[in-house]
Amino acid sequence: MGFEPPVLDQQHGMPQQDHERREYIRREEDHGSIVPTVVSALLAICGAFAALFLFFALMGQIDLGDAIVATVIAALAGLVWFSGFWYRHRTAKESGRMQRADRERRGF
């Protein structure tokens, strides 16, 4: 005498679904292009690189005279970041909104 696992009757199991119950309908605003996301990522990377370079330069680990190419690249990255910041700040004032619409929708 031993323990035997229960046998499931396959005929009386879960009913089979004929179609997918979930709907994958998205709003038209959610089908936007990837360009704003790529631009935001590029601006964030440029700002981070410029801030990191400035940090190490202030700590004395980078000699600005010896690393002229890196200094110019970091200055250009900082200029790209600042121009993106200025553009966003200027357009937010003109349009009257300071947050993106999707941030308001998610409740942040």
C-alpha atoms as a PDB file:
ATOM      1  CA  MET A   1       0.000   0.000   0.000  1.00  0.00           C
ATOM      2  CA  GLY A   2       1.509   3.287  -1.025  1.00  0.00           C
ATOM      3  CA  PHE A   3       0.652   6.790  -1.951  1.00  0.00           C
ATOM      4  CA  GLU A   4      -0.334   7.360  -5.551  1.00  0.00           C
ATOM      5  CA  PRO A   5      -0.632  10.832  -7.095  1.00  0.00           C
ATOM      6  CA  PRO A   6      -4.099  11.881  -8.192  1.00  0.00           C
ATOM      7  CA  VAL A   7      -4.954  11.292 -11.838  1.00  0.00           C
ATOM      8  CA  LEU A   8      -6.425  14.282 -13.626  1.00  0.00           C
ATOM      9  CA  ASP A   9      -9.163  13.684 -16.090  1.00  0.00           C
ATOM     10  CA  GLN A  10      -8.219  15.570 -19.270  1.00  0.00           C
ATOM     11  CA  GLN A  11     -11.786  15.651 -20.571  1.00  0.00           C
ATOM     12  CA  HIS A  12     -13.065  17.736 -17.682  1.00  0.00           C
ATOM     13  CA  GLY A  13     -10.155  20.167 -17.464  1.00  0.00           C
ATOM     14  CA  MET A  14     -10.093  23.839 -18.292  1.00  0.00           C
ATOM     15  CA  PRO A  15     -12.187  24.851 -21.298  1.00  0.00           C
ATOM     16  CA  GLN A  16     -10.106  25.737 -24.334  1.00  0.00           C
ATOM     17  CA  GLN A  17     -10.096  29.359 -25.417  1.00  0.00           C
ATOM     18  CA  ASP A  18     -10.772  29.956 -29.083  1.00  0.00           C
ATOM     19  CA  HIS A  19      -9.155  33.393 -29.162  1.00  0.00           C
ATOM     20  CA  GLU A  20      -6.828  35.568 -27.158  1.00  0.00           C
ATOM     21  CA  ARG A  21      -8.780  37.445 -24.500  1.00  0.00           C
ATOM     22  CA  ARG A  22      -6.261  40.250 -24.077  1.00  0.00           C
ATOM     23  CA  GLU A  23      -6.455  43.145 -26.464  1.00  0.00           C
ATOM     24  CA  TYR A  24      -3.334  44.894 -27.621  1.00  0.00           C
ATOM     25  CA  ILE A  25      -4.904  48.157 -28.642  1.00  0.00           C
ATOM     26  CA  ARG A  26      -2.689  51.126 -27.855  1.00  0.00           C
ATOM     27  CA  ARG A  27      -3.421  54.792 -28.055  1.00  0.00           C
ATOM     28  CA  GLU A  28      -2.144  56.705 -31.036  1.00  0.00           C
ATOM     29  CA  GLU A  29       0.051  58.903 -28.799  1.00  0.00           C
ATOM     30  CA  ASP A  30       1.897  55.819 -27.585  1.00  0.00           C
ATOM     31  CA  HIS A  31       3.006  54.956 -31.113  1.00  0.00           C
ATOM     32  CA  GLY A  32       5.446  57.862 -31.227  1.00  0.00           C
ATOM     33  CA  SER A  33       8.837  57.745 -32.787  1.00  0.00           C
ATOM     34  CA  ILE A  34      11.993  56.715 -30.989  1.00  0.00           C
ATOM     35  CA  VAL A  35      13.774  59.976 -31.829  1.00  0.00           C
ATOM     36  CA  PRO A  36      12.854  61.855 -28.602  1.00  0.00           C
ATOM     37  CA  THR A  37      14.083  58.936 -26.513  1.00  0.00           C
ATOM     38  CA  VAL A  38      17.384  58.763 -28.389  1.00  0.00           C
ATOM     39  CA  VAL A  39      17.890  62.526 -28.093  1.00  0.00           C
ATOM     40  CA  SER A  40      17.170  62.426 -24.360  1.00  0.00           C
ATOM     41  CA  ALA A  41      19.634  59.578 -23.884  1.00  0.00           C
ATOM     42  CA  LEU A  42      22.291  61.395 -25.911  1.00  0.00           C
ATOM     43  CA  LEU A  43      21.858  64.561 -23.861  1.00  0.00           C
ATOM     44  CA  ALA A  44      22.061  62.612 -20.612  1.00  0.00           C
ATOM     45  CA  ILE A  45      25.248  60.833 -21.705  1.00  0.00           C
ATOM     46  CA  CYS A  46      26.850  64.104 -22.828  1.00  0.00           C
ATOM     47  CA  GLY A  47      25.978  65.772 -19.527  1.00  0.00           C
ATOM     48  CA  ALA A  48      27.302  62.846 -17.510  1.00  0.00           C
ATOM     49  CA  PHE A  49      30.565  62.755 -19.462  1.00  0.00           C
ATOM     50  CA  ALA A  50      31.104  66.499 -19.074  1.00  0.00           C
ATOM     51  CA  ALA A  51      30.334  66.378 -15.345  1.00  0.00           C
ATOM     52  CA  LEU A  52      32.646  63.398 -14.816  1.00  0.00           C
ATOM     53  CA  PHE A  53      35.469  65.084 -16.729  1.00  0.00           C
ATOM     54  CA  LEU A  54      34.969  68.292 -14.743  1.00  0.00           C
ATOM     55  CA  PHE A  55      35.012  66.343 -11.478  1.00  0.00           C
ATOM     56  CA  PHE A  56      38.311  64.650 -12.267  1.00  0.00           C
ATOM     57  CA  ALA A  57      39.799  67.912 -13.546  1.00  0.00           C
ATOM     58  CA  LEU A  58      38.862  69.671 -10.310  1.00  0.00           C
ATOM     59  CA  MET A  59      40.377  66.824  -8.293  1.00  0.00           C
ATOM     60  CA  GLY A  60      43.634  67.307 -10.169  1.00  0.00           C
ATOM     61  CA  GLN A  61      43.675  63.905 -11.863  1.00  0.00           C
ATOM     62  CA  ILE A  62      43.489  65.406 -15.360  1.00  0.00           C
ATOM     63  CA  ASP A  63      45.962  67.983 -16.577  1.00  0.00           C
ATOM     64  CA  LEU A  64      43.983  70.150 -18.978  1.00  0.00           C
ATOM     65  CA  GLY A  65      47.127  71.186 -20.855  1.00  0.00           C
ATOM     66  CA  ASP A  66      48.254  67.630 -21.511  1.00  0.00           C
ATOM     67  CA  ALA A  67      44.801  66.292 -22.414  1.00  0.00           C
ATOM     68  CA  ILE A  68      43.770  68.910 -24.977  1.00  0.00           C
ATOM     69  CA  VAL A  69      41.729  66.522 -27.134  1.00  0.00           C
ATOM     70  CA  ALA A  70      39.823  65.138 -24.137  1.00  0.00           C
ATOM     71  CA  THR A  71      39.257  68.671 -22.869  1.00  0.00           C
ATOM     72  CA  VAL A  72      37.805  69.778 -26.203  1.00  0.00           C
ATOM     73  CA  ILE A  73      35.568  66.689 -26.388  1.00  0.00           C
ATOM     74  CA  ALA A  74      34.336  67.251 -22.822  1.00  0.00           C
ATOM     75  CA  ALA A  75      33.690  70.933 -23.589  1.00  0.00           C
ATOM     76  CA  LEU A  76      31.689  69.968 -26.684  1.00  0.00           C
ATOM     77  CA  ALA A  77      29.725  67.400 -24.678  1.00  0.00           C
ATOM     78  CA  GLY A  78      28.967  70.037 -22.070  1.00  0.00           C
ATOM     79  CA  LEU A  79      27.879  72.444 -24.809  1.00  0.00           C
ATOM     80  CA  VAL A  80      25.568  69.806 -26.310  1.00  0.00           C
ATOM     81  CA  TRP A  81      24.044  69.116 -22.891  1.00  0.00           C
ATOM     82  CA  PHE A  82      23.606  72.802 -22.090  1.00  0.00           C
ATOM     83  CA  SER A  83      22.026  73.555 -25.470  1.00  0.00           C
ATOM     84  CA  GLY A  84      19.526  70.730 -24.925  1.00  0.00           C
ATOM     85  CA  PHE A  85      18.774  71.981 -21.433  1.00  0.00           C
ATOM     86  CA  TRP A  86      18.314  75.545 -22.683  1.00  0.00           C
ATOM     87  CA  TYR A  87      16.071  74.433 -25.551  1.00  0.00           C
ATOM     88  CA  ARG A  88      13.849  72.393 -23.250  1.00  0.00           C
ATOM     89  CA  HIS A  89      13.681  75.175 -20.688  1.00  0.00           C
ATOM     90  CA  ARG A  90      12.805  77.749 -23.353  1.00  0.00           C
ATOM     91  CA  THR A  91      10.113  75.606 -25.021  1.00  0.00           C
ATOM     92  CA  ALA A  92       8.582  74.645 -21.664  1.00  0.00           C
ATOM     93  CA  LYS A  93       8.137  78.325 -20.790  1.00  0.00           C
ATOM     94  CA  GLU A  94       6.577  79.121 -24.163  1.00  0.00           C
ATOM     95  CA  SER A  95       4.139  76.225 -24.105  1.00  0.00           C
ATOM     96  CA  GLY A  96       3.220  76.787 -20.474  1.00  0.00           C
ATOM     97  CA  ARG A  97       3.965  73.262 -19.325  1.00  0.00           C
ATOM     98  CA  MET A  98       6.960  72.123 -17.367  1.00  0.00           C
ATOM     99  CA  GLN A  99       6.368  68.351 -17.437  1.00  0.00           C
ATOM    100  CA  ARG A 100       5.897  65.839 -20.194  1.00  0.00           C
ATOM    101  CA  ALA A 101       2.342  64.650 -20.758  1.00  0.00           C
ATOM    102  CA  ASP A 102       3.142  60.998 -20.063  1.00  0.00           C
ATOM    103  CA  ARG A 103       4.564  61.859 -16.629  1.00  0.00           C
ATOM    104  CA  GLU A 104       1.252  63.460 -15.718  1.00  0.00           C
ATOM    105  CA  ARG A 105      -0.648  60.417 -16.951  1.00  0.00           C
ATOM    106  CA  ARG A 106       1.402  57.997 -14.838  1.00  0.00           C
ATOM    107  CA  GLY A 107       0.855  60.051 -11.717  1.00  0.00           C
ATOM    108  CA  PHE A 108       4.376  61.311 -11.022  1.00  0.00           C
END
